[in-house]
């Protein structure tokens, strides 16, 4: 799982050098990544990913189902713009390297749905 998560995160950063991986330097679950790109709204990204057949969630796991931004990210003193754009991806046993590559590629396509390249 850790190798897949690292591959996913590398792919996200390759698409956009401005991608922020929350908790990147901390010990964390090997199957989960929480990322944002400034200017990207989580609600829009979640819908765009869904249109591409990829299930993701907005915000931190403890904020699941809530409309408001994650209080955990706010407590970490993350900028409000990034908090509003946080997208969580959880990998499972059924995921393979190709699926992570697909997710990374579709991240850029999802951003283009709203007329904004995350590579900007």
PDB file of N, CA and C in Angstrom:
ATOM      1  N   UNK A   1       0.819  -1.201   0.000  1.00  0.00           N
ATOM      2  CA  UNK A   1       0.000   0.000   0.000  1.00  0.00           C
ATOM      3  C   UNK A   1       0.862   1.264   0.000  1.00  0.00           C
ATOM      4  N   UNK A   2       1.898   1.259   0.813  1.00  0.00           N
ATOM      5  CA  UNK A   2       2.746   2.443   0.924  1.00  0.00           C
ATOM      6  C   UNK A   2       3.349   2.815  -0.427  1.00  0.00           C
ATOM      7  N   UNK A   3       3.801   1.826  -1.165  1.00  0.00           N
ATOM      8  CA  UNK A   3       4.383   2.090  -2.485  1.00  0.00           C
ATOM      9  C   UNK A   3       3.341   2.698  -3.424  1.00  0.00           C
ATOM     10  N   UNK A   4       2.104   2.195  -3.365  1.00  0.00           N
ATOM     11  CA  UNK A   4       1.045   2.754  -4.211  1.00  0.00           C
ATOM     12  C   UNK A   4       0.727   4.188  -3.817  1.00  0.00           C
ATOM     13  N   UNK A   5       0.641   4.432  -2.506  1.00  0.00           N
ATOM     14  CA  UNK A   5       0.355   5.796  -2.057  1.00  0.00           C
ATOM     15  C   UNK A   5       1.458   6.744  -2.500  1.00  0.00           C
ATOM     16  N   UNK A   6       2.703   6.324  -2.361  1.00  0.00           N
ATOM     17  CA  UNK A   6       3.818   7.170  -2.768  1.00  0.00           C
ATOM     18  C   UNK A   6       3.790   7.430  -4.270  1.00  0.00           C
ATOM     19  N   UNK A   7       3.422   6.411  -5.034  1.00  0.00           N
ATOM     20  CA  UNK A   7       3.317   6.567  -6.487  1.00  0.00           C
ATOM     21  C   UNK A   7       2.204   7.565  -6.844  1.00  0.00           C
ATOM     22  N   UNK A   8       1.082   7.439  -6.171  1.00  0.00           N
ATOM     23  CA  UNK A   8      -0.030   8.363  -6.380  1.00  0.00           C
ATOM     24  C   UNK A   8       0.397   9.794  -6.070  1.00  0.00           C
ATOM     25  N   UNK A   9       1.027   9.989  -4.933  1.00  0.00           N
ATOM     26  CA  UNK A   9       1.431  11.333  -4.527  1.00  0.00           C
ATOM     27  C   UNK A   9       2.475  11.913  -5.476  1.00  0.00           C
ATOM     28  N   UNK A  10       3.390  11.086  -5.952  1.00  0.00           N
ATOM     29  CA  UNK A  10       4.375  11.544  -6.939  1.00  0.00           C
ATOM     30  C   UNK A  10       3.683  11.971  -8.225  1.00  0.00           C
ATOM     31  N   UNK A  11       2.672  11.206  -8.621  1.00  0.00           N
ATOM     32  CA  UNK A  11       1.912  11.549  -9.823  1.00  0.00           C
ATOM     33  C   UNK A  11       1.172  12.855  -9.676  1.00  0.00           C
ATOM     34  N   UNK A  12       0.588  13.081  -8.508  1.00  0.00           N
ATOM     35  CA  UNK A  12      -0.123  14.339  -8.263  1.00  0.00           C
ATOM     36  C   UNK A  12       0.839  15.526  -8.328  1.00  0.00           C
ATOM     37  N   UNK A  13       2.007  15.362  -7.748  1.00  0.00           N
ATOM     38  CA  UNK A  13       3.003  16.448  -7.762  1.00  0.00           C
ATOM     39  C   UNK A  13       3.567  16.665  -9.152  1.00  0.00           C
ATOM     40  N   UNK A  14       3.653  15.605  -9.950  1.00  0.00           N
ATOM     41  CA  UNK A  14       4.138  15.751 -11.319  1.00  0.00           C
ATOM     42  C   UNK A  14       3.149  16.560 -12.151  1.00  0.00           C
ATOM     43  N   UNK A  15       1.868  16.361 -11.900  1.00  0.00           N
ATOM     44  CA  UNK A  15       0.843  17.108 -12.614  1.00  0.00           C
ATOM     45  C   UNK A  15       0.844  18.559 -12.181  1.00  0.00           C
ATOM     46  N   UNK A  16       0.970  18.770 -10.877  1.00  0.00           N
ATOM     47  CA  UNK A  16       0.991  20.134 -10.353  1.00  0.00           C
ATOM     48  C   UNK A  16       2.036  20.264  -9.261  1.00  0.00           C
ATOM     49  N   UNK A  17       3.074  21.045  -9.522  1.00  0.00           N
ATOM     50  CA  UNK A  17       4.078  21.275  -8.485  1.00  0.00           C
ATOM     51  C   UNK A  17       3.488  22.008  -7.277  1.00  0.00           C
ATOM     52  N   UNK A  18       2.295  22.551  -7.440  1.00  0.00           N
ATOM     53  CA  UNK A  18       1.631  23.277  -6.358  1.00  0.00           C
ATOM     54  C   UNK A  18       0.744  22.361  -5.507  1.00  0.00           C
ATOM     55  N   UNK A  19       0.710  21.083  -5.842  1.00  0.00           N
ATOM     56  CA  UNK A  19      -0.086  20.146  -5.048  1.00  0.00           C
ATOM     57  C   UNK A  19       0.519  20.036  -3.650  1.00  0.00           C
ATOM     58  N   UNK A  20      -0.354  20.063  -2.659  1.00  0.00           N
ATOM     59  CA  UNK A  20       0.067  19.923  -1.269  1.00  0.00           C
ATOM     60  C   UNK A  20      -0.452  18.582  -0.764  1.00  0.00           C
ATOM     61  N   UNK A  21       0.453  17.779  -0.239  1.00  0.00           N
ATOM     62  CA  UNK A  21       0.086  16.505   0.378  1.00  0.00           C
ATOM     63  C   UNK A  21       0.109  16.747   1.886  1.00  0.00           C
ATOM     64  N   UNK A  22      -1.050  16.720   2.511  1.00  0.00           N
ATOM     65  CA  UNK A  22      -1.132  17.015   3.944  1.00  0.00           C
ATOM     66  C   UNK A  22      -0.501  15.886   4.754  1.00  0.00           C
ATOM     67  N   UNK A  23       0.321  16.262   5.733  1.00  0.00           N
ATOM     68  CA  UNK A  23       0.971  15.285   6.603  1.00  0.00           C
ATOM     69  C   UNK A  23       2.062  14.495   5.913  1.00  0.00           C
ATOM     70  N   UNK A  24       2.548  15.000   4.800  1.00  0.00           N
ATOM     71  CA  UNK A  24       3.518  14.264   3.992  1.00  0.00           C
ATOM     72  C   UNK A  24       4.744  13.821   4.790  1.00  0.00           C
ATOM     73  N   UNK A  25       5.222  14.656   5.677  1.00  0.00           N
ATOM     74  CA  UNK A  25       6.431  14.340   6.438  1.00  0.00           C
ATOM     75  C   UNK A  25       6.137  13.540   7.708  1.00  0.00           C
ATOM     76  N   UNK A  26       4.869  13.303   7.992  1.00  0.00           N
ATOM     77  CA  UNK A  26       4.478  12.604   9.224  1.00  0.00           C
ATOM     78  C   UNK A  26       4.192  11.135   8.958  1.00  0.00           C
ATOM     79  N   UNK A  27       4.277  10.343  10.006  1.00  0.00           N
ATOM     80  CA  UNK A  27       3.852   8.956   9.900  1.00  0.00           C
ATOM     81  C   UNK A  27       2.335   8.941   9.736  1.00  0.00           C
ATOM     82  N   UNK A  28       1.835   8.216   8.778  1.00  0.00           N
ATOM     83  CA  UNK A  28       0.394   8.192   8.507  1.00  0.00           C
ATOM     84  C   UNK A  28       0.014   6.874   7.879  1.00  0.00           C
ATOM     85  N   UNK A  29      -1.264   6.669   7.702  1.00  0.00           N
ATOM     86  CA  UNK A  29      -1.750   5.428   7.114  1.00  0.00           C
ATOM     87  C   UNK A  29      -1.144   5.232   5.724  1.00  0.00           C
ATOM     88  N   UNK A  30      -0.743   4.030   5.407  1.00  0.00           N
ATOM     89  CA  UNK A  30      -0.103   3.793   4.105  1.00  0.00           C
ATOM     90  C   UNK A  30      -1.067   3.789   2.932  1.00  0.00           C
ATOM     91  N   UNK A  31      -2.370   3.744   3.191  1.00  0.00           N
ATOM     92  CA  UNK A  31      -3.327   3.645   2.091  1.00  0.00           C
ATOM     93  C   UNK A  31      -4.124   4.923   1.843  1.00  0.00           C
ATOM     94  N   UNK A  32      -3.768   6.002   2.524  1.00  0.00           N
ATOM     95  CA  UNK A  32      -4.592   7.207   2.440  1.00  0.00           C
ATOM     96  C   UNK A  32      -3.731   8.430   2.128  1.00  0.00           C
ATOM     97  N   UNK A  33      -4.248   9.266   1.250  1.00  0.00           N
ATOM     98  CA  UNK A  33      -3.601  10.550   1.001  1.00  0.00           C
ATOM     99  C   UNK A  33      -4.660  11.636   0.999  1.00  0.00           C
ATOM    100  N   UNK A  34      -4.298  12.776   1.521  1.00  0.00           N
ATOM    101  CA  UNK A  34      -5.159  13.947   1.543  1.00  0.00           C
ATOM    102  C   UNK A  34      -4.379  15.051   0.860  1.00  0.00           C
ATOM    103  N   UNK A  35      -4.927  15.571  -0.227  1.00  0.00           N
ATOM    104  CA  UNK A  35      -4.189  16.571  -0.991  1.00  0.00           C
ATOM    105  C   UNK A  35      -5.089  17.728  -1.376  1.00  0.00           C
ATOM    106  N   UNK A  36      -4.456  18.815  -1.783  1.00  0.00           N
ATOM    107  CA  UNK A  36      -5.178  19.975  -2.298  1.00  0.00           C
ATOM    108  C   UNK A  36      -4.256  20.739  -3.235  1.00  0.00           C
ATOM    109  N   UNK A  37      -4.880  21.500  -4.087  1.00  0.00           N
ATOM    110  CA  UNK A  37      -4.175  22.444  -4.944  1.00  0.00           C
ATOM    111  C   UNK A  37      -4.904  23.764  -4.780  1.00  0.00           C
ATOM    112  N   UNK A  38      -4.166  24.813  -4.436  1.00  0.00           N
ATOM    113  CA  UNK A  38      -4.805  26.102  -4.220  1.00  0.00           C
ATOM    114  C   UNK A  38      -5.607  26.502  -5.452  1.00  0.00           C
ATOM    115  N   UNK A  39      -6.821  26.958  -5.212  1.00  0.00           N
ATOM    116  CA  UNK A  39      -7.713  27.351  -6.294  1.00  0.00           C
ATOM    117  C   UNK A  39      -8.667  26.248  -6.712  1.00  0.00           C
ATOM    118  N   UNK A  40      -8.422  25.029  -6.253  1.00  0.00           N
ATOM    119  CA  UNK A  40      -9.295  23.909  -6.571  1.00  0.00           C
ATOM    120  C   UNK A  40     -10.292  23.736  -5.423  1.00  0.00           C
ATOM    121  N   UNK A  41     -11.580  23.698  -5.738  1.00  0.00           N
ATOM    122  CA  UNK A  41     -12.603  23.484  -4.716  1.00  0.00           C
ATOM    123  C   UNK A  41     -12.889  21.991  -4.608  1.00  0.00           C
ATOM    124  N   UNK A  42     -12.940  21.500  -3.382  1.00  0.00           N
ATOM    125  CA  UNK A  42     -13.134  20.066  -3.157  1.00  0.00           C
ATOM    126  C   UNK A  42     -14.440  19.564  -3.753  1.00  0.00           C
ATOM    127  N   UNK A  43     -15.527  20.322  -3.588  1.00  0.00           N
ATOM    128  CA  UNK A  43     -16.826  19.856  -4.093  1.00  0.00           C
ATOM    129  C   UNK A  43     -16.773  19.635  -5.596  1.00  0.00           C
ATOM    130  N   UNK A  44     -16.162  20.562  -6.302  1.00  0.00           N
ATOM    131  CA  UNK A  44     -16.051  20.463  -7.751  1.00  0.00           C
ATOM    132  C   UNK A  44     -15.168  19.291  -8.134  1.00  0.00           C
ATOM    133  N   UNK A  45     -14.061  19.119  -7.414  1.00  0.00           N
ATOM    134  CA  UNK A  45     -13.140  18.025  -7.709  1.00  0.00           C
ATOM    135  C   UNK A  45     -13.796  16.674  -7.463  1.00  0.00           C
ATOM    136  N   UNK A  46     -14.536  16.544  -6.367  1.00  0.00           N
ATOM    137  CA  UNK A  46     -15.199  15.274  -6.050  1.00  0.00           C
ATOM    138  C   UNK A  46     -16.181  14.902  -7.160  1.00  0.00           C
ATOM    139  N   UNK A  47     -16.949  15.869  -7.632  1.00  0.00           N
ATOM    140  CA  UNK A  47     -17.903  15.609  -8.722  1.00  0.00           C
ATOM    141  C   UNK A  47     -17.159  15.228 -10.002  1.00  0.00           C
ATOM    142  N   UNK A  48     -16.083  15.956 -10.304  1.00  0.00           N
ATOM    143  CA  UNK A  48     -15.319  15.671 -11.516  1.00  0.00           C
ATOM    144  C   UNK A  48     -14.688  14.283 -11.460  1.00  0.00           C
ATOM    145  N   UNK A  49     -14.134  13.910 -10.298  1.00  0.00           N
ATOM    146  CA  UNK A  49     -13.577  12.569 -10.150  1.00  0.00           C
ATOM    147  C   UNK A  49     -14.674  11.523 -10.315  1.00  0.00           C
ATOM    148  N   UNK A  50     -15.836  11.781  -9.747  1.00  0.00           N
ATOM    149  CA  UNK A  50     -16.953  10.853  -9.861  1.00  0.00           C
ATOM    150  C   UNK A  50     -17.335  10.649 -11.330  1.00  0.00           C
ATOM    151  N   UNK A  51     -17.345  11.717 -12.094  1.00  0.00           N
ATOM    152  CA  UNK A  51     -17.650  11.614 -13.523  1.00  0.00           C
ATOM    153  C   UNK A  51     -16.617  10.757 -14.255  1.00  0.00           C
ATOM    154  N   UNK A  52     -15.413  10.679 -13.695  1.00  0.00           N
ATOM    155  CA  UNK A  52     -14.347   9.856 -14.274  1.00  0.00           C
ATOM    156  C   UNK A  52     -14.333   8.445 -13.691  1.00  0.00           C
ATOM    157  N   UNK A  53     -15.307   8.136 -12.806  1.00  0.00           N
ATOM    158  CA  UNK A  53     -15.393   6.806 -12.229  1.00  0.00           C
ATOM    159  C   UNK A  53     -14.478   6.571 -11.043  1.00  0.00           C
ATOM    160  N   UNK A  54     -14.027   7.651 -10.408  1.00  0.00           N
ATOM    161  CA  UNK A  54     -13.117   7.538  -9.271  1.00  0.00           C
ATOM    162  C   UNK A  54     -13.798   8.090  -8.033  1.00  0.00           C
ATOM    163  N   UNK A  55     -13.881   7.267  -6.990  1.00  0.00           N
ATOM    164  CA  UNK A  55     -14.514   7.676  -5.734  1.00  0.00           C
ATOM    165  C   UNK A  55     -13.477   8.295  -4.810  1.00  0.00           C
ATOM    166  N   UNK A  56     -13.689   9.534  -4.438  1.00  0.00           N
ATOM    167  CA  UNK A  56     -12.849  10.245  -3.483  1.00  0.00           C
ATOM    168  C   UNK A  56     -13.776  10.973  -2.519  1.00  0.00           C
ATOM    169  N   UNK A  57     -13.208  11.538  -1.476  1.00  0.00           N
ATOM    170  CA  UNK A  57     -13.987  12.308  -0.506  1.00  0.00           C
ATOM    171  C   UNK A  57     -13.326  13.657  -0.307  1.00  0.00           C
ATOM    172  N   UNK A  58     -14.091  14.594   0.183  1.00  0.00           N
ATOM    173  CA  UNK A  58     -13.506  15.908   0.481  1.00  0.00           C
ATOM    174  C   UNK A  58     -13.196  15.999   1.965  1.00  0.00           C
ATOM    175  N   UNK A  59     -12.087  16.614   2.274  1.00  0.00           N
ATOM    176  CA  UNK A  59     -11.710  16.839   3.666  1.00  0.00           C
ATOM    177  C   UNK A  59     -11.119  15.625   4.345  1.00  0.00           C
ATOM    178  N   UNK A  60     -10.843  15.805   5.614  1.00  0.00           N
ATOM    179  CA  UNK A  60     -10.254  14.736   6.421  1.00  0.00           C
ATOM    180  C   UNK A  60     -11.318  13.696   6.761  1.00  0.00           C
ATOM    181  N   UNK A  61     -10.884  12.505   7.111  1.00  0.00           N
ATOM    182  CA  UNK A  61     -11.816  11.412   7.405  1.00  0.00           C
ATOM    183  C   UNK A  61     -12.779  11.772   8.519  1.00  0.00           C
ATOM    184  N   UNK A  62     -12.310  12.501   9.523  1.00  0.00           N
ATOM    185  CA  UNK A  62     -13.189  12.836  10.648  1.00  0.00           C
ATOM    186  C   UNK A  62     -14.214  13.911  10.259  1.00  0.00           C
ATOM    187  N   UNK A  63     -14.089  14.474   9.051  1.00  0.00           N
ATOM    188  CA  UNK A  63     -15.054  15.468   8.571  1.00  0.00           C
ATOM    189  C   UNK A  63     -16.005  14.870   7.548  1.00  0.00           C
ATOM    190  N   UNK A  64     -15.892  13.582   7.307  1.00  0.00           N
ATOM    191  CA  UNK A  64     -16.702  12.928   6.297  1.00  0.00           C
ATOM    192  C   UNK A  64     -18.187  13.190   6.529  1.00  0.00           C
ATOM    193  N   UNK A  65     -18.870  13.569   5.473  1.00  0.00           N
ATOM    194  CA  UNK A  65     -20.304  13.829   5.557  1.00  0.00           C
ATOM    195  C   UNK A  65     -20.655  15.245   5.981  1.00  0.00           C
ATOM    196  N   UNK A  66     -19.665  16.033   6.307  1.00  0.00           N
ATOM    197  CA  UNK A  66     -19.919  17.411   6.728  1.00  0.00           C
ATOM    198  C   UNK A  66     -19.675  18.350   5.558  1.00  0.00           C
ATOM    199  N   UNK A  67     -20.429  19.428   5.520  1.00  0.00           N
ATOM    200  CA  UNK A  67     -20.292  20.403   4.454  1.00  0.00           C
ATOM    201  C   UNK A  67     -19.185  21.408   4.766  1.00  0.00           C
ATOM    202  N   UNK A  68     -18.961  21.654   6.030  1.00  0.00           N
ATOM    203  CA  UNK A  68     -17.963  22.652   6.424  1.00  0.00           C
ATOM    204  C   UNK A  68     -16.542  22.108   6.254  1.00  0.00           C
ATOM    205  N   UNK A  69     -15.572  23.028   6.102  1.00  0.00           N
ATOM    206  CA  UNK A  69     -14.181  22.606   5.967  1.00  0.00           C
ATOM    207  C   UNK A  69     -13.695  21.865   7.219  1.00  0.00           C
ATOM    208  N   UNK A  70     -12.688  21.066   7.060  1.00  0.00           N
ATOM    209  CA  UNK A  70     -12.148  20.254   8.142  1.00  0.00           C
ATOM    210  C   UNK A  70     -11.576  21.105   9.267  1.00  0.00           C
ATOM    211  N   UNK A  71     -12.059  20.871  10.472  1.00  0.00           N
ATOM    212  CA  UNK A  71     -11.519  21.579  11.628  1.00  0.00           C
ATOM    213  C   UNK A  71     -10.106  21.093  11.954  1.00  0.00           C
ATOM    214  N   UNK A  72      -9.779  19.872  11.559  1.00  0.00           N
ATOM    215  CA  UNK A  72      -8.430  19.346  11.797  1.00  0.00           C
ATOM    216  C   UNK A  72      -7.420  20.114  10.949  1.00  0.00           C
ATOM    217  N   UNK A  73      -7.723  20.304   9.677  1.00  0.00           N
ATOM    218  CA  UNK A  73      -6.808  21.058   8.817  1.00  0.00           C
ATOM    219  C   UNK A  73      -6.704  22.504   9.278  1.00  0.00           C
ATOM    220  N   UNK A  74      -7.801  23.073   9.721  1.00  0.00           N
ATOM    221  CA  UNK A  74      -7.769  24.442  10.247  1.00  0.00           C
ATOM    222  C   UNK A  74      -6.874  24.506  11.479  1.00  0.00           C
ATOM    223  N   UNK A  75      -6.962  23.506  12.356  1.00  0.00           N
ATOM    224  CA  UNK A  75      -6.121  23.477  13.563  1.00  0.00           C
ATOM    225  C   UNK A  75      -4.642  23.320  13.204  1.00  0.00           C
ATOM    226  N   UNK A  76      -4.376  22.722  12.055  1.00  0.00           N
ATOM    227  CA  UNK A  76      -2.994  22.593  11.579  1.00  0.00           C
ATOM    228  C   UNK A  76      -2.504  23.894  10.951  1.00  0.00           C
ATOM    229  N   UNK A  77      -3.360  24.910  10.980  1.00  0.00           N
ATOM    230  CA  UNK A  77      -3.071  26.239  10.420  1.00  0.00           C
ATOM    231  C   UNK A  77      -2.815  26.198   8.915  1.00  0.00           C
ATOM    232  N   UNK A  78      -3.574  25.343   8.251  1.00  0.00           N
ATOM    233  CA  UNK A  78      -3.542  25.273   6.789  1.00  0.00           C
ATOM    234  C   UNK A  78      -4.362  26.446   6.267  1.00  0.00           C
ATOM    235  N   UNK A  79      -3.927  27.046   5.172  1.00  0.00           N
ATOM    236  CA  UNK A  79      -4.650  28.192   4.626  1.00  0.00           C
ATOM    237  C   UNK A  79      -6.084  27.793   4.271  1.00  0.00           C
ATOM    238  N   UNK A  80      -7.042  28.701   4.499  1.00  0.00           N
ATOM    239  CA  UNK A  80      -8.446  28.391   4.187  1.00  0.00           C
ATOM    240  C   UNK A  80      -8.659  27.949   2.733  1.00  0.00           C
ATOM    241  N   UNK A  81      -7.904  28.509   1.805  1.00  0.00           N
ATOM    242  CA  UNK A  81      -8.049  28.128   0.395  1.00  0.00           C
ATOM    243  C   UNK A  81      -7.696  26.659   0.191  1.00  0.00           C
ATOM    244  N   UNK A  82      -6.650  26.193   0.850  1.00  0.00           N
ATOM    245  CA  UNK A  82      -6.274  24.784   0.729  1.00  0.00           C
ATOM    246  C   UNK A  82      -7.252  23.881   1.476  1.00  0.00           C
ATOM    247  N   UNK A  83      -7.724  24.329   2.631  1.00  0.00           N
ATOM    248  CA  UNK A  83      -8.688  23.536   3.401  1.00  0.00           C
ATOM    249  C   UNK A  83      -9.941  23.290   2.567  1.00  0.00           C
ATOM    250  N   UNK A  84     -10.409  24.314   1.857  1.00  0.00           N
ATOM    251  CA  UNK A  84     -11.615  24.179   1.032  1.00  0.00           C
ATOM    252  C   UNK A  84     -11.411  23.253  -0.163  1.00  0.00           C
ATOM    253  N   UNK A  85     -10.158  22.988  -0.513  1.00  0.00           N
ATOM    254  CA  UNK A  85      -9.876  22.151  -1.671  1.00  0.00           C
ATOM    255  C   UNK A  85      -9.367  20.763  -1.337  1.00  0.00           C
ATOM    256  N   UNK A  86      -9.395  20.386  -0.074  1.00  0.00           N
ATOM    257  CA  UNK A  86      -8.824  19.104   0.340  1.00  0.00           C
ATOM    258  C   UNK A  86      -9.629  17.921  -0.202  1.00  0.00           C
ATOM    259  N   UNK A  87      -8.933  16.985  -0.831  1.00  0.00           N
ATOM    260  CA  UNK A  87      -9.535  15.774  -1.389  1.00  0.00           C
ATOM    261  C   UNK A  87      -8.791  14.569  -0.808  1.00  0.00           C
ATOM    262  N   UNK A  88      -9.563  13.609  -0.299  1.00  0.00           N
ATOM    263  CA  UNK A  88      -8.989  12.414   0.327  1.00  0.00           C
ATOM    264  C   UNK A  88      -9.179  11.212  -0.582  1.00  0.00           C
ATOM    265  N   UNK A  89      -8.089  10.460  -0.757  1.00  0.00           N
ATOM    266  CA  UNK A  89      -8.107   9.244  -1.560  1.00  0.00           C
ATOM    267  C   UNK A  89      -7.694   8.092  -0.650  1.00  0.00           C
ATOM    268  N   UNK A  90      -8.502   7.060  -0.615  1.00  0.00           N
ATOM    269  CA  UNK A  90      -8.173   5.853   0.147  1.00  0.00           C
ATOM    270  C   UNK A  90      -7.978   4.705  -0.828  1.00  0.00           C
ATOM    271  N   UNK A  91      -6.844   4.058  -0.723  1.00  0.00           N
ATOM    272  CA  UNK A  91      -6.523   2.933  -1.590  1.00  0.00           C
ATOM    273  C   UNK A  91      -6.871   1.631  -0.885  1.00  0.00           C
ATOM    274  N   UNK A  92      -7.303   0.657  -1.651  1.00  0.00           N
ATOM    275  CA  UNK A  92      -7.640  -0.648  -1.095  1.00  0.00           C
ATOM    276  C   UNK A  92      -6.842  -1.741  -1.773  1.00  0.00           C
ATOM    277  N   UNK A  93      -7.084  -2.962  -1.349  1.00  0.00           N
ATOM    278  CA  UNK A  93      -6.351  -4.101  -1.909  1.00  0.00           C
ATOM    279  C   UNK A  93      -6.579  -4.266  -3.412  1.00  0.00           C
ATOM    280  N   UNK A  94      -7.721  -3.785  -3.898  1.00  0.00           N
ATOM    281  CA  UNK A  94      -8.021  -3.945  -5.325  1.00  0.00           C
ATOM    282  C   UNK A  94      -7.263  -2.951  -6.205  1.00  0.00           C
ATOM    283  N   UNK A  95      -6.618  -1.975  -5.607  1.00  0.00           N
ATOM    284  CA  UNK A  95      -5.884  -0.979  -6.388  1.00  0.00           C
ATOM    285  C   UNK A  95      -4.523  -1.517  -6.804  1.00  0.00           C
ATOM    286  N   UNK A  96      -4.139  -1.121  -7.973  1.00  0.00           N
ATOM    287  CA  UNK A  96      -2.839  -1.507  -8.516  1.00  0.00           C
ATOM    288  C   UNK A  96      -2.156  -0.264  -9.047  1.00  0.00           C
ATOM    289  N   UNK A  97      -0.938  -0.426  -9.471  1.00  0.00           N
ATOM    290  CA  UNK A  97      -0.177   0.721  -9.969  1.00  0.00           C
ATOM    291  C   UNK A  97      -0.910   1.445 -11.091  1.00  0.00           C
ATOM    292  N   UNK A  98      -1.510   0.704 -11.984  1.00  0.00           N
ATOM    293  CA  UNK A  98      -2.219   1.322 -13.103  1.00  0.00           C
ATOM    294  C   UNK A  98      -3.361   2.200 -12.644  1.00  0.00           C
ATOM    295  N   UNK A  99      -4.046   1.768 -11.589  1.00  0.00           N
ATOM    296  CA  UNK A  99      -5.173   2.553 -11.071  1.00  0.00           C
ATOM    297  C   UNK A  99      -4.682   3.873 -10.483  1.00  0.00           C
ATOM    298  N   UNK A 100      -3.535   3.856  -9.817  1.00  0.00           N
ATOM    299  CA  UNK A 100      -2.973   5.096  -9.266  1.00  0.00           C
ATOM    300  C   UNK A 100      -2.547   6.034 -10.386  1.00  0.00           C
ATOM    301  N   UNK A 101      -1.982   5.468 -11.436  1.00  0.00           N
ATOM    302  CA  UNK A 101      -1.599   6.283 -12.592  1.00  0.00           C
ATOM    303  C   UNK A 101      -2.853   6.893 -13.216  1.00  0.00           C
ATOM    304  N   UNK A 102      -3.914   6.096 -13.328  1.00  0.00           N
ATOM    305  CA  UNK A 102      -5.184   6.592 -13.863  1.00  0.00           C
ATOM    306  C   UNK A 102      -5.712   7.726 -13.009  1.00  0.00           C
ATOM    307  N   UNK A 103      -5.661   7.563 -11.691  1.00  0.00           N
ATOM    308  CA  UNK A 103      -6.130   8.615 -10.788  1.00  0.00           C
ATOM    309  C   UNK A 103      -5.332   9.887 -10.980  1.00  0.00           C
ATOM    310  N   UNK A 104      -4.016   9.777 -11.080  1.00  0.00           N
ATOM    311  CA  UNK A 104      -3.181  10.947 -11.283  1.00  0.00           C
ATOM    312  C   UNK A 104      -3.518  11.648 -12.596  1.00  0.00           C
ATOM    313  N   UNK A 105      -3.663  10.863 -13.662  1.00  0.00           N
ATOM    314  CA  UNK A 105      -3.989  11.446 -14.966  1.00  0.00           C
ATOM    315  C   UNK A 105      -5.363  12.100 -14.941  1.00  0.00           C
ATOM    316  N   UNK A 106      -6.304  11.453 -14.298  1.00  0.00           N
ATOM    317  CA  UNK A 106      -7.655  12.000 -14.263  1.00  0.00           C
ATOM    318  C   UNK A 106      -7.760  13.187 -13.322  1.00  0.00           C
ATOM    319  N   UNK A 107      -6.788  13.360 -12.436  1.00  0.00           N
ATOM    320  CA  UNK A 107      -6.764  14.551 -11.582  1.00  0.00           C
ATOM    321  C   UNK A 107      -6.680  15.795 -12.448  1.00  0.00           C
ATOM    322  N   UNK A 108      -5.813  15.728 -13.436  1.00  0.00           N
ATOM    323  CA  UNK A 108      -5.670  16.872 -14.332  1.00  0.00           C
ATOM    324  C   UNK A 108      -6.929  17.062 -15.164  1.00  0.00           C
ATOM    325  N   UNK A 109      -7.494  15.984 -15.679  1.00  0.00           N
ATOM    326  CA  UNK A 109      -8.715  16.082 -16.476  1.00  0.00           C
ATOM    327  C   UNK A 109      -9.862  16.622 -15.620  1.00  0.00           C
ATOM    328  N   UNK A 110      -9.945  16.171 -14.366  1.00  0.00           N
ATOM    329  CA  UNK A 110     -10.996  16.643 -13.467  1.00  0.00           C
ATOM    330  C   UNK A 110     -10.877  18.139 -13.250  1.00  0.00           C
ATOM    331  N   UNK A 111      -9.654  18.623 -13.116  1.00  0.00           N
ATOM    332  CA  UNK A 111      -9.449  20.058 -12.926  1.00  0.00           C
ATOM    333  C   UNK A 111      -9.881  20.831 -14.168  1.00  0.00           C
ATOM    334  N   UNK A 112      -9.680  20.221 -15.341  1.00  0.00           N
ATOM    335  CA  UNK A 112     -10.040  20.899 -16.584  1.00  0.00           C
ATOM    336  C   UNK A 112     -11.554  21.024 -16.757  1.00  0.00           C
ATOM    337  N   UNK A 113     -12.345  20.173 -16.088  1.00  0.00           N
ATOM    338  CA  UNK A 113     -13.795  20.274 -16.163  1.00  0.00           C
ATOM    339  C   UNK A 113     -14.261  21.654 -15.713  1.00  0.00           C
ATOM    340  N   UNK A 114     -13.549  22.235 -14.788  1.00  0.00           N
ATOM    341  CA  UNK A 114     -13.963  23.539 -14.288  1.00  0.00           C
ATOM    342  C   UNK A 114     -13.121  24.660 -14.891  1.00  0.00           C
ATOM    343  N   UNK A 115     -12.381  24.356 -15.965  1.00  0.00           N
ATOM    344  CA  UNK A 115     -11.665  25.394 -16.689  1.00  0.00           C
ATOM    345  C   UNK A 115     -10.394  25.847 -16.009  1.00  0.00           C
ATOM    346  N   UNK A 116      -9.798  24.994 -15.196  1.00  0.00           N
ATOM    347  CA  UNK A 116      -8.581  25.381 -14.479  1.00  0.00           C
ATOM    348  C   UNK A 116      -7.611  24.232 -14.512  1.00  0.00           C
ATOM    349  N   UNK A 117      -6.417  24.477 -14.974  1.00  0.00           N
ATOM    350  CA  UNK A 117      -5.411  23.436 -14.957  1.00  0.00           C
ATOM    351  C   UNK A 117      -4.728  23.431 -13.599  1.00  0.00           C
ATOM    352  N   UNK A 118      -4.633  22.274 -12.958  1.00  0.00           N
ATOM    353  CA  UNK A 118      -3.974  22.228 -11.657  1.00  0.00           C
ATOM    354  C   UNK A 118      -2.473  22.368 -11.814  1.00  0.00           C
ATOM    355  N   UNK A 119      -2.001  22.356 -13.050  1.00  0.00           N
ATOM    356  CA  UNK A 119      -0.577  22.544 -13.283  1.00  0.00           C
ATOM    357  C   UNK A 119      -0.190  24.016 -13.269  1.00  0.00           C
ATOM    358  N   UNK A 120      -1.158  24.891 -13.227  1.00  0.00           N
ATOM    359  CA  UNK A 120      -0.879  26.334 -13.276  1.00  0.00           C
ATOM    360  C   UNK A 120      -0.193  26.815 -12.030  1.00  0.00           C
TER     361      UNK A 120
END
